[in-house]
Amino acid sequence: MFDTTEWQREMLGKMQSKLFDSIQRDLNGIFRSSGIGIPSEIAHSIGTVLNDLFSIDPQSTAGVTLKKAPKDFGDKDNDRAIYNVIPGTNRARHKTDTLVVYCLGKDSLNTRLTGALDAVRGHRFENVIFVTSKWDISVITGNNAQRLLDLIEFSKDGTRFCFVLLSTSGISVIPVLIY
């Protein structure tokens, strides 16, 4: 017979395993279906970063804690500067074709999306991967509809966007722009 704590740990362990399996199994498929042409090493790097930011927390109502992406996130697990990243103070030495934006934990979705659009405005990245643990359609509708228009315009100019939702159930694509 399980006590509550042991049962919780077992269930949380299964949830974490399911999430990590989903990250490694599904990222490449999500990128392919979104038309994002990136090497598998970038998907692997993103998966590694996400694994590092999740931790089991029996005190949390969800059973896990997703750490906020640190301000000095830089290009962790990106030693060869194969992509640019937001947030980060340790920028890749040069602009690459790919920008990865992390909006996790208590990060502001509005701030991260605005930062991503500003980055694309400054350098036309071919691929923009926006990984978030939260999504609210209001960031591209109503008073924020200009952001959606910017996304559409950048897409017409050749930038491919892929929005990825990270949850305790795994990862999935957010259909912000349909190509």
N, C-alpha and C. Protein backbone atom coordinates (compact mmCIF):
# COMPACT_ATOMS: atom_id res chain seq x y z
N MET A 1 0.84 -1.17 0.00
CA MET A 1 0.00 0.00 0.00
C MET A 1 0.89 1.24 0.00
N PHE A 2 0.56 2.20 -0.88
CA PHE A 2 1.31 3.44 -1.00
C PHE A 2 0.82 4.45 0.01
N ASP A 3 1.76 5.20 0.58
CA ASP A 3 1.31 6.37 1.32
C ASP A 3 1.22 7.53 0.32
N THR A 4 0.58 8.61 0.71
CA THR A 4 0.32 9.72 -0.21
C THR A 4 1.61 10.27 -0.79
N THR A 5 2.63 10.44 -0.01
CA THR A 5 3.88 11.01 -0.48
C THR A 5 4.54 10.09 -1.50
N GLU A 6 4.57 8.82 -1.25
CA GLU A 6 5.17 7.87 -2.19
C GLU A 6 4.37 7.86 -3.49
N TRP A 7 3.05 7.85 -3.39
CA TRP A 7 2.20 7.87 -4.56
C TRP A 7 2.43 9.15 -5.37
N GLN A 8 2.53 10.29 -4.66
CA GLN A 8 2.80 11.57 -5.33
C GLN A 8 4.12 11.51 -6.09
N ARG A 9 5.16 11.02 -5.45
CA ARG A 9 6.47 10.94 -6.10
C ARG A 9 6.42 10.07 -7.33
N GLU A 10 5.72 8.96 -7.23
CA GLU A 10 5.62 8.06 -8.37
C GLU A 10 4.87 8.74 -9.52
N MET A 11 3.76 9.39 -9.22
CA MET A 11 2.98 10.08 -10.26
C MET A 11 3.77 11.24 -10.87
N LEU A 12 4.48 11.99 -10.04
CA LEU A 12 5.28 13.10 -10.55
C LEU A 12 6.43 12.58 -11.41
N GLY A 13 7.01 11.47 -11.01
CA GLY A 13 8.07 10.87 -11.81
C GLY A 13 7.56 10.44 -13.17
N LYS A 14 6.35 9.87 -13.21
CA LYS A 14 5.75 9.47 -14.50
C LYS A 14 5.45 10.69 -15.36
N MET A 15 4.95 11.76 -14.72
CA MET A 15 4.65 12.99 -15.45
C MET A 15 5.93 13.59 -16.03
N GLN A 16 6.98 13.64 -15.24
CA GLN A 16 8.24 14.20 -15.71
C GLN A 16 8.80 13.35 -16.85
N SER A 17 8.74 12.04 -16.71
CA SER A 17 9.22 11.15 -17.76
C SER A 17 8.44 11.37 -19.05
N LYS A 18 7.11 11.49 -18.95
CA LYS A 18 6.26 11.73 -20.12
C LYS A 18 6.63 13.04 -20.79
N LEU A 19 6.85 14.08 -19.98
CA LEU A 19 7.22 15.38 -20.52
C LEU A 19 8.55 15.31 -21.24
N PHE A 20 9.56 14.75 -20.60
CA PHE A 20 10.88 14.69 -21.21
C PHE A 20 10.87 13.83 -22.46
N ASP A 21 10.12 12.73 -22.45
CA ASP A 21 9.99 11.90 -23.66
C ASP A 21 9.35 12.70 -24.78
N SER A 22 8.31 13.47 -24.45
CA SER A 22 7.62 14.29 -25.45
C SER A 22 8.57 15.32 -26.05
N ILE A 23 9.37 15.95 -25.21
CA ILE A 23 10.31 16.96 -25.70
C ILE A 23 11.25 16.34 -26.72
N GLN A 24 11.89 15.24 -26.37
CA GLN A 24 12.86 14.63 -27.27
C GLN A 24 12.21 14.02 -28.50
N ARG A 25 11.03 13.45 -28.35
CA ARG A 25 10.36 12.76 -29.45
C ARG A 25 9.67 13.74 -30.41
N ASP A 26 9.07 14.80 -29.89
CA ASP A 26 8.17 15.62 -30.69
C ASP A 26 8.75 16.90 -31.26
N LEU A 27 9.85 17.40 -30.72
CA LEU A 27 10.37 18.69 -31.19
C LEU A 27 10.68 18.69 -32.69
N ASN A 28 11.43 17.72 -33.17
CA ASN A 28 11.77 17.69 -34.59
C ASN A 28 10.52 17.64 -35.46
N GLY A 29 9.52 16.85 -35.07
CA GLY A 29 8.27 16.77 -35.83
C GLY A 29 7.52 18.09 -35.85
N ILE A 30 7.51 18.77 -34.72
CA ILE A 30 6.86 20.09 -34.65
C ILE A 30 7.55 21.06 -35.60
N PHE A 31 8.88 21.05 -35.60
CA PHE A 31 9.61 21.97 -36.46
C PHE A 31 9.36 21.64 -37.94
N ARG A 32 9.40 20.36 -38.29
CA ARG A 32 9.15 19.97 -39.69
C ARG A 32 7.75 20.39 -40.13
N SER A 33 6.75 20.13 -39.29
CA SER A 33 5.37 20.46 -39.68
C SER A 33 5.15 21.97 -39.76
N SER A 34 5.99 22.74 -39.09
CA SER A 34 5.89 24.21 -39.14
C SER A 34 6.74 24.80 -40.25
N GLY A 35 7.43 23.95 -41.00
CA GLY A 35 8.27 24.44 -42.08
C GLY A 35 9.59 25.02 -41.62
N ILE A 36 9.96 24.76 -40.37
CA ILE A 36 11.21 25.26 -39.81
C ILE A 36 12.32 24.31 -40.22
N GLY A 37 13.26 24.82 -41.00
CA GLY A 37 14.36 23.99 -41.46
C GLY A 37 15.60 24.19 -40.60
N ILE A 38 15.69 23.42 -39.53
CA ILE A 38 16.85 23.53 -38.64
C ILE A 38 17.49 22.18 -38.46
N PRO A 39 18.78 22.17 -38.17
CA PRO A 39 19.45 20.89 -37.89
C PRO A 39 18.91 20.26 -36.61
N SER A 40 18.94 18.95 -36.54
CA SER A 40 18.42 18.25 -35.35
C SER A 40 19.20 18.63 -34.10
N GLU A 41 20.45 19.09 -34.25
CA GLU A 41 21.22 19.49 -33.07
C GLU A 41 20.59 20.70 -32.36
N ILE A 42 19.89 21.55 -33.10
CA ILE A 42 19.22 22.68 -32.46
C ILE A 42 18.04 22.16 -31.64
N ALA A 43 17.26 21.25 -32.20
CA ALA A 43 16.14 20.66 -31.46
C ALA A 43 16.66 19.95 -30.21
N HIS A 44 17.75 19.24 -30.33
CA HIS A 44 18.34 18.55 -29.18
C HIS A 44 18.77 19.56 -28.12
N SER A 45 19.40 20.66 -28.55
CA SER A 45 19.85 21.69 -27.63
C SER A 45 18.67 22.32 -26.89
N ILE A 46 17.59 22.62 -27.61
CA ILE A 46 16.39 23.19 -26.99
C ILE A 46 15.83 22.20 -25.97
N GLY A 47 15.77 20.92 -26.34
CA GLY A 47 15.28 19.89 -25.42
C GLY A 47 16.11 19.81 -24.16
N THR A 48 17.42 19.92 -24.28
CA THR A 48 18.30 19.88 -23.13
C THR A 48 18.05 21.07 -22.21
N VAL A 49 17.90 22.24 -22.79
CA VAL A 49 17.63 23.44 -22.00
C VAL A 49 16.31 23.27 -21.23
N LEU A 50 15.28 22.78 -21.91
CA LEU A 50 13.97 22.60 -21.26
C LEU A 50 14.05 21.57 -20.13
N ASN A 51 14.77 20.50 -20.34
CA ASN A 51 14.94 19.50 -19.28
C ASN A 51 15.59 20.12 -18.06
N ASP A 52 16.55 21.02 -18.28
CA ASP A 52 17.25 21.66 -17.16
C ASP A 52 16.36 22.64 -16.39
N LEU A 53 15.34 23.19 -17.04
CA LEU A 53 14.50 24.19 -16.40
C LEU A 53 13.30 23.60 -15.65
N PHE A 54 12.97 22.33 -15.91
CA PHE A 54 11.86 21.67 -15.22
C PHE A 54 12.39 20.91 -14.01
N SER A 55 11.64 20.94 -12.92
CA SER A 55 12.00 20.12 -11.77
C SER A 55 10.73 19.67 -11.05
N ILE A 56 10.81 18.51 -10.45
CA ILE A 56 9.68 17.98 -9.68
C ILE A 56 9.57 18.77 -8.39
N ASP A 57 8.35 19.18 -8.05
CA ASP A 57 8.11 19.94 -6.84
C ASP A 57 6.79 19.49 -6.23
N PRO A 58 6.83 18.57 -5.27
CA PRO A 58 5.59 18.09 -4.67
C PRO A 58 4.78 19.18 -3.98
N GLN A 59 5.40 20.31 -3.65
CA GLN A 59 4.69 21.41 -3.00
C GLN A 59 3.87 22.24 -3.99
N SER A 60 4.21 22.14 -5.27
CA SER A 60 3.50 22.89 -6.30
C SER A 60 2.18 22.19 -6.62
N THR A 61 1.15 22.98 -6.96
CA THR A 61 -0.14 22.37 -7.29
C THR A 61 -0.05 21.51 -8.54
N ALA A 62 0.83 21.86 -9.47
CA ALA A 62 1.00 21.08 -10.69
C ALA A 62 1.97 19.92 -10.49
N GLY A 63 2.70 19.94 -9.38
CA GLY A 63 3.67 18.87 -9.12
C GLY A 63 5.03 19.12 -9.72
N VAL A 64 5.15 20.16 -10.52
CA VAL A 64 6.44 20.49 -11.12
C VAL A 64 6.63 22.00 -11.02
N THR A 65 7.86 22.41 -11.12
CA THR A 65 8.19 23.82 -11.17
C THR A 65 8.94 24.07 -12.46
N LEU A 66 8.55 25.09 -13.16
CA LEU A 66 9.26 25.50 -14.36
C LEU A 66 9.96 26.80 -14.03
N LYS A 67 11.28 26.74 -14.00
CA LYS A 67 12.05 27.92 -13.65
C LYS A 67 11.93 28.98 -14.74
N LYS A 68 11.96 30.22 -14.32
CA LYS A 68 12.00 31.33 -15.25
C LYS A 68 13.35 31.29 -15.96
N ALA A 69 13.35 31.58 -17.25
CA ALA A 69 14.61 31.60 -17.99
C ALA A 69 15.48 32.71 -17.41
N PRO A 70 16.69 32.39 -16.94
CA PRO A 70 17.53 33.42 -16.31
C PRO A 70 17.93 34.51 -17.29
N LYS A 71 18.13 35.73 -16.76
CA LYS A 71 18.50 36.86 -17.61
C LYS A 71 19.82 36.63 -18.33
N ASP A 72 20.71 35.88 -17.70
CA ASP A 72 22.01 35.62 -18.33
C ASP A 72 22.00 34.27 -19.05
N PHE A 73 20.83 33.86 -19.49
CA PHE A 73 20.63 32.58 -20.13
C PHE A 73 21.64 32.36 -21.25
N GLY A 74 21.85 33.41 -22.04
CA GLY A 74 22.85 33.36 -23.09
C GLY A 74 22.66 32.20 -24.02
N ASP A 75 23.76 31.60 -24.41
CA ASP A 75 23.67 30.49 -25.34
C ASP A 75 24.10 29.19 -24.66
N LYS A 76 23.45 28.88 -23.55
CA LYS A 76 23.68 27.63 -22.83
C LYS A 76 23.50 26.46 -23.78
N ASP A 77 24.40 25.51 -23.72
CA ASP A 77 24.37 24.35 -24.60
C ASP A 77 24.38 24.78 -26.07
N ASN A 78 25.01 25.90 -26.33
CA ASN A 78 25.06 26.46 -27.67
C ASN A 78 26.46 27.02 -27.89
N ASP A 79 27.45 26.25 -27.46
CA ASP A 79 28.84 26.71 -27.49
C ASP A 79 29.31 27.12 -28.88
N ARG A 80 28.79 26.48 -29.90
CA ARG A 80 29.25 26.79 -31.26
C ARG A 80 28.40 27.87 -31.92
N ALA A 81 27.55 28.52 -31.13
CA ALA A 81 26.71 29.63 -31.62
C ALA A 81 25.90 29.22 -32.84
N ILE A 82 25.17 28.11 -32.71
CA ILE A 82 24.36 27.63 -33.84
C ILE A 82 23.02 28.32 -33.92
N TYR A 83 22.66 29.08 -32.88
CA TYR A 83 21.44 29.88 -32.91
C TYR A 83 21.57 31.04 -31.93
N ASN A 84 20.75 32.06 -32.14
CA ASN A 84 20.67 33.17 -31.19
C ASN A 84 19.55 32.88 -30.21
N VAL A 85 19.61 33.50 -29.03
CA VAL A 85 18.64 33.17 -27.99
C VAL A 85 18.19 34.42 -27.23
N ILE A 86 16.92 34.44 -26.86
CA ILE A 86 16.35 35.44 -25.96
C ILE A 86 15.72 34.65 -24.83
N PRO A 87 15.94 34.96 -23.56
CA PRO A 87 16.75 36.07 -23.05
C PRO A 87 18.21 35.67 -22.99
N GLY A 88 19.04 36.64 -22.95
CA GLY A 88 20.45 36.35 -22.78
C GLY A 88 21.33 37.56 -22.88
N THR A 89 22.34 37.58 -22.07
CA THR A 89 23.34 38.63 -22.16
C THR A 89 24.56 38.12 -22.91
N ASN A 90 24.69 36.82 -22.98
CA ASN A 90 25.81 36.21 -23.69
C ASN A 90 25.37 35.85 -25.10
N ARG A 91 25.27 36.85 -25.94
CA ARG A 91 24.77 36.67 -27.30
C ARG A 91 25.76 35.86 -28.14
N ALA A 92 25.21 35.18 -29.13
CA ALA A 92 26.08 34.48 -30.08
C ALA A 92 26.99 35.51 -30.73
N ARG A 93 28.18 35.08 -31.09
CA ARG A 93 29.18 36.00 -31.64
C ARG A 93 28.71 36.67 -32.93
N HIS A 94 27.81 36.02 -33.63
CA HIS A 94 27.29 36.55 -34.88
C HIS A 94 25.81 36.20 -34.99
N LYS A 95 25.14 36.88 -35.87
CA LYS A 95 23.73 36.56 -36.10
C LYS A 95 23.65 35.28 -36.90
N THR A 96 22.79 34.40 -36.47
CA THR A 96 22.59 33.13 -37.16
C THR A 96 21.25 33.19 -37.91
N ASP A 97 20.88 32.10 -38.54
CA ASP A 97 19.59 32.02 -39.23
C ASP A 97 18.44 31.77 -38.28
N THR A 98 18.76 31.33 -37.05
CA THR A 98 17.72 30.88 -36.12
C THR A 98 17.76 31.65 -34.82
N LEU A 99 16.57 32.06 -34.37
CA LEU A 99 16.40 32.70 -33.07
C LEU A 99 15.49 31.82 -32.24
N VAL A 100 15.91 31.50 -31.03
CA VAL A 100 15.09 30.73 -30.09
C VAL A 100 14.73 31.66 -28.93
N VAL A 101 13.44 31.79 -28.67
CA VAL A 101 12.94 32.67 -27.61
C VAL A 101 12.28 31.79 -26.55
N TYR A 102 12.72 31.94 -25.31
CA TYR A 102 12.14 31.19 -24.19
C TYR A 102 11.29 32.13 -23.35
N CYS A 103 10.04 31.76 -23.13
CA CYS A 103 9.13 32.51 -22.26
C CYS A 103 8.55 31.48 -21.29
N LEU A 104 9.19 31.35 -20.14
CA LEU A 104 8.88 30.26 -19.22
C LEU A 104 8.65 30.78 -17.81
N GLY A 105 8.01 29.95 -17.00
CA GLY A 105 7.82 30.32 -15.60
C GLY A 105 7.09 31.63 -15.47
N LYS A 106 7.70 32.57 -14.78
CA LYS A 106 7.08 33.87 -14.53
C LYS A 106 7.50 34.94 -15.53
N ASP A 107 8.12 34.53 -16.65
CA ASP A 107 8.46 35.50 -17.70
C ASP A 107 7.19 36.16 -18.21
N SER A 108 7.32 37.37 -18.69
CA SER A 108 6.18 38.10 -19.26
C SER A 108 6.02 37.73 -20.73
N LEU A 109 4.87 37.18 -21.08
CA LEU A 109 4.58 36.81 -22.47
C LEU A 109 4.62 38.04 -23.37
N ASN A 110 4.04 39.15 -22.92
CA ASN A 110 4.07 40.39 -23.71
C ASN A 110 5.49 40.86 -23.98
N THR A 111 6.31 40.86 -22.93
CA THR A 111 7.69 41.32 -23.08
C THR A 111 8.49 40.43 -24.02
N ARG A 112 8.34 39.12 -23.88
CA ARG A 112 9.10 38.20 -24.73
C ARG A 112 8.67 38.29 -26.20
N LEU A 113 7.36 38.40 -26.44
CA LEU A 113 6.89 38.49 -27.82
C LEU A 113 7.36 39.79 -28.46
N THR A 114 7.28 40.89 -27.70
CA THR A 114 7.78 42.17 -28.20
C THR A 114 9.27 42.09 -28.49
N GLY A 115 10.04 41.47 -27.60
CA GLY A 115 11.48 41.30 -27.81
C GLY A 115 11.78 40.48 -29.05
N ALA A 116 11.00 39.43 -29.27
CA ALA A 116 11.20 38.59 -30.46
C ALA A 116 10.93 39.39 -31.74
N LEU A 117 9.85 40.15 -31.74
CA LEU A 117 9.52 40.95 -32.93
C LEU A 117 10.58 42.01 -33.17
N ASP A 118 11.09 42.64 -32.12
CA ASP A 118 12.15 43.63 -32.27
C ASP A 118 13.41 42.98 -32.84
N ALA A 119 13.72 41.78 -32.38
CA ALA A 119 14.91 41.07 -32.88
C ALA A 119 14.76 40.75 -34.37
N VAL A 120 13.58 40.33 -34.78
CA VAL A 120 13.34 40.02 -36.19
C VAL A 120 13.37 41.30 -37.02
N ARG A 121 12.86 42.35 -36.45
CA ARG A 121 12.90 43.66 -37.13
C ARG A 121 14.36 44.08 -37.37
N GLY A 122 15.24 43.80 -36.41
CA GLY A 122 16.66 44.19 -36.51
C GLY A 122 17.49 43.26 -37.38
N HIS A 123 17.09 42.00 -37.47
CA HIS A 123 17.82 41.01 -38.28
C HIS A 123 16.81 39.98 -38.77
N ARG A 124 16.64 39.87 -40.04
CA ARG A 124 15.63 38.95 -40.58
C ARG A 124 16.09 37.49 -40.42
N PHE A 125 15.73 36.94 -39.28
CA PHE A 125 16.02 35.53 -39.04
C PHE A 125 15.18 34.68 -39.98
N GLU A 126 15.72 33.56 -40.44
CA GLU A 126 14.94 32.63 -41.26
C GLU A 126 13.96 31.85 -40.39
N ASN A 127 14.38 31.49 -39.19
CA ASN A 127 13.57 30.67 -38.29
C ASN A 127 13.49 31.33 -36.92
N VAL A 128 12.27 31.43 -36.39
CA VAL A 128 12.08 31.92 -35.03
C VAL A 128 11.26 30.87 -34.30
N ILE A 129 11.84 30.35 -33.23
CA ILE A 129 11.18 29.33 -32.41
C ILE A 129 10.87 29.98 -31.08
N PHE A 130 9.59 30.06 -30.77
CA PHE A 130 9.11 30.72 -29.54
C PHE A 130 8.60 29.62 -28.62
N VAL A 131 9.35 29.32 -27.57
CA VAL A 131 8.99 28.25 -26.64
C VAL A 131 8.41 28.88 -25.39
N THR A 132 7.17 28.52 -25.04
CA THR A 132 6.51 29.14 -23.90
C THR A 132 5.75 28.11 -23.06
N SER A 133 5.61 28.43 -21.80
CA SER A 133 4.80 27.60 -20.90
C SER A 133 3.44 28.24 -20.68
N LYS A 134 3.18 29.30 -21.41
CA LYS A 134 1.90 30.01 -21.28
C LYS A 134 1.53 30.57 -22.64
N TRP A 135 0.26 30.67 -22.88
CA TRP A 135 -0.18 31.33 -24.11
C TRP A 135 -1.51 32.00 -23.82
N ASP A 136 -1.65 33.19 -24.33
CA ASP A 136 -2.87 33.95 -24.20
C ASP A 136 -3.06 34.68 -25.52
N ILE A 137 -4.13 34.36 -26.22
CA ILE A 137 -4.38 34.92 -27.55
C ILE A 137 -4.42 36.45 -27.53
N SER A 138 -4.64 37.04 -26.36
CA SER A 138 -4.73 38.50 -26.27
C SER A 138 -3.40 39.18 -26.60
N VAL A 139 -2.29 38.45 -26.64
CA VAL A 139 -1.01 39.08 -26.99
C VAL A 139 -0.92 39.41 -28.48
N ILE A 140 -1.88 38.88 -29.28
CA ILE A 140 -1.88 39.19 -30.71
C ILE A 140 -3.25 39.65 -31.21
N THR A 141 -4.16 39.97 -30.29
CA THR A 141 -5.49 40.44 -30.68
C THR A 141 -5.80 41.74 -29.96
N GLY A 142 -6.95 42.32 -30.26
CA GLY A 142 -7.37 43.54 -29.59
C GLY A 142 -6.35 44.65 -29.74
N ASN A 143 -5.95 45.23 -28.62
CA ASN A 143 -4.96 46.32 -28.63
C ASN A 143 -3.59 45.84 -29.09
N ASN A 144 -3.37 44.54 -29.14
CA ASN A 144 -2.08 43.99 -29.56
C ASN A 144 -2.12 43.40 -30.97
N ALA A 145 -3.14 43.72 -31.75
CA ALA A 145 -3.29 43.15 -33.09
C ALA A 145 -2.13 43.50 -34.01
N GLN A 146 -1.43 44.61 -33.74
CA GLN A 146 -0.28 44.97 -34.58
C GLN A 146 0.79 43.88 -34.53
N ARG A 147 0.90 43.20 -33.42
CA ARG A 147 1.88 42.10 -33.32
C ARG A 147 1.56 41.00 -34.32
N LEU A 148 0.28 40.67 -34.45
CA LEU A 148 -0.11 39.65 -35.42
C LEU A 148 0.19 40.13 -36.84
N LEU A 149 -0.10 41.40 -37.11
CA LEU A 149 0.21 41.96 -38.43
C LEU A 149 1.72 41.91 -38.69
N ASP A 150 2.52 42.20 -37.67
CA ASP A 150 3.98 42.11 -37.81
C ASP A 150 4.41 40.68 -38.10
N LEU A 151 3.83 39.72 -37.38
CA LEU A 151 4.16 38.31 -37.63
C LEU A 151 3.83 37.92 -39.07
N ILE A 152 2.68 38.34 -39.55
CA ILE A 152 2.27 38.03 -40.92
C ILE A 152 3.22 38.68 -41.92
N GLU A 153 3.56 39.94 -41.67
CA GLU A 153 4.47 40.66 -42.58
C GLU A 153 5.86 40.01 -42.60
N PHE A 154 6.39 39.69 -41.43
CA PHE A 154 7.70 39.03 -41.38
C PHE A 154 7.65 37.67 -42.08
N SER A 155 6.53 36.97 -41.94
CA SER A 155 6.37 35.67 -42.62
C SER A 155 6.39 35.85 -44.12
N LYS A 156 5.72 36.87 -44.62
CA LYS A 156 5.72 37.15 -46.06
C LYS A 156 7.12 37.46 -46.55
N ASP A 157 7.93 38.05 -45.67
CA ASP A 157 9.31 38.41 -46.03
C ASP A 157 10.29 37.24 -45.86
N GLY A 158 9.78 36.07 -45.44
CA GLY A 158 10.63 34.88 -45.40
C GLY A 158 10.97 34.31 -44.04
N THR A 159 10.52 34.94 -42.97
CA THR A 159 10.79 34.39 -41.63
C THR A 159 9.73 33.35 -41.30
N ARG A 160 10.17 32.18 -40.86
CA ARG A 160 9.26 31.11 -40.45
C ARG A 160 9.17 31.12 -38.93
N PHE A 161 7.95 31.14 -38.41
CA PHE A 161 7.72 31.15 -36.96
C PHE A 161 7.15 29.81 -36.52
N CYS A 162 7.60 29.38 -35.36
CA CYS A 162 7.06 28.18 -34.74
C CYS A 162 6.86 28.48 -33.26
N PHE A 163 5.61 28.42 -32.82
CA PHE A 163 5.28 28.66 -31.42
C PHE A 163 5.04 27.31 -30.77
N VAL A 164 5.78 27.02 -29.70
CA VAL A 164 5.72 25.73 -29.02
C VAL A 164 5.24 25.94 -27.59
N LEU A 165 4.18 25.22 -27.22
CA LEU A 165 3.66 25.27 -25.86
C LEU A 165 4.21 24.10 -25.07
N LEU A 166 4.77 24.42 -23.93
CA LEU A 166 5.33 23.42 -23.03
C LEU A 166 4.42 23.31 -21.81
N SER A 167 3.93 22.10 -21.55
CA SER A 167 3.08 21.89 -20.39
C SER A 167 3.44 20.56 -19.75
N THR A 168 2.83 20.27 -18.63
CA THR A 168 3.14 19.00 -17.95
C THR A 168 2.68 17.81 -18.77
N SER A 169 1.85 18.03 -19.77
CA SER A 169 1.40 16.95 -20.66
C SER A 169 2.37 16.70 -21.80
N GLY A 170 3.31 17.59 -22.00
CA GLY A 170 4.26 17.46 -23.10
C GLY A 170 4.34 18.76 -23.86
N ILE A 171 4.77 18.66 -25.12
CA ILE A 171 4.89 19.85 -25.94
C ILE A 171 3.93 19.73 -27.12
N SER A 172 3.52 20.89 -27.60
CA SER A 172 2.65 20.93 -28.78
C SER A 172 2.85 22.26 -29.48
N VAL A 173 2.41 22.31 -30.72
CA VAL A 173 2.53 23.54 -31.49
C VAL A 173 1.32 24.42 -31.19
N ILE A 174 1.55 25.74 -31.14
CA ILE A 174 0.48 26.71 -31.00
C ILE A 174 0.25 27.26 -32.41
N PRO A 175 -0.94 27.08 -32.96
CA PRO A 175 -1.19 27.51 -34.35
C PRO A 175 -1.45 29.02 -34.46
N VAL A 176 -0.40 29.81 -34.25
CA VAL A 176 -0.52 31.26 -34.32
C VAL A 176 -0.62 31.70 -35.78
N LEU A 177 0.27 31.18 -36.60
CA LEU A 177 0.26 31.46 -38.04
C LEU A 177 0.12 30.13 -38.76
N ILE A 178 -0.83 30.03 -39.67
CA ILE A 178 -1.02 28.83 -40.46
C ILE A 178 -0.43 29.10 -41.84
N TYR A 179 0.51 28.26 -42.23
CA TYR A 179 1.17 28.46 -43.53
C TYR A 179 0.46 27.70 -44.62
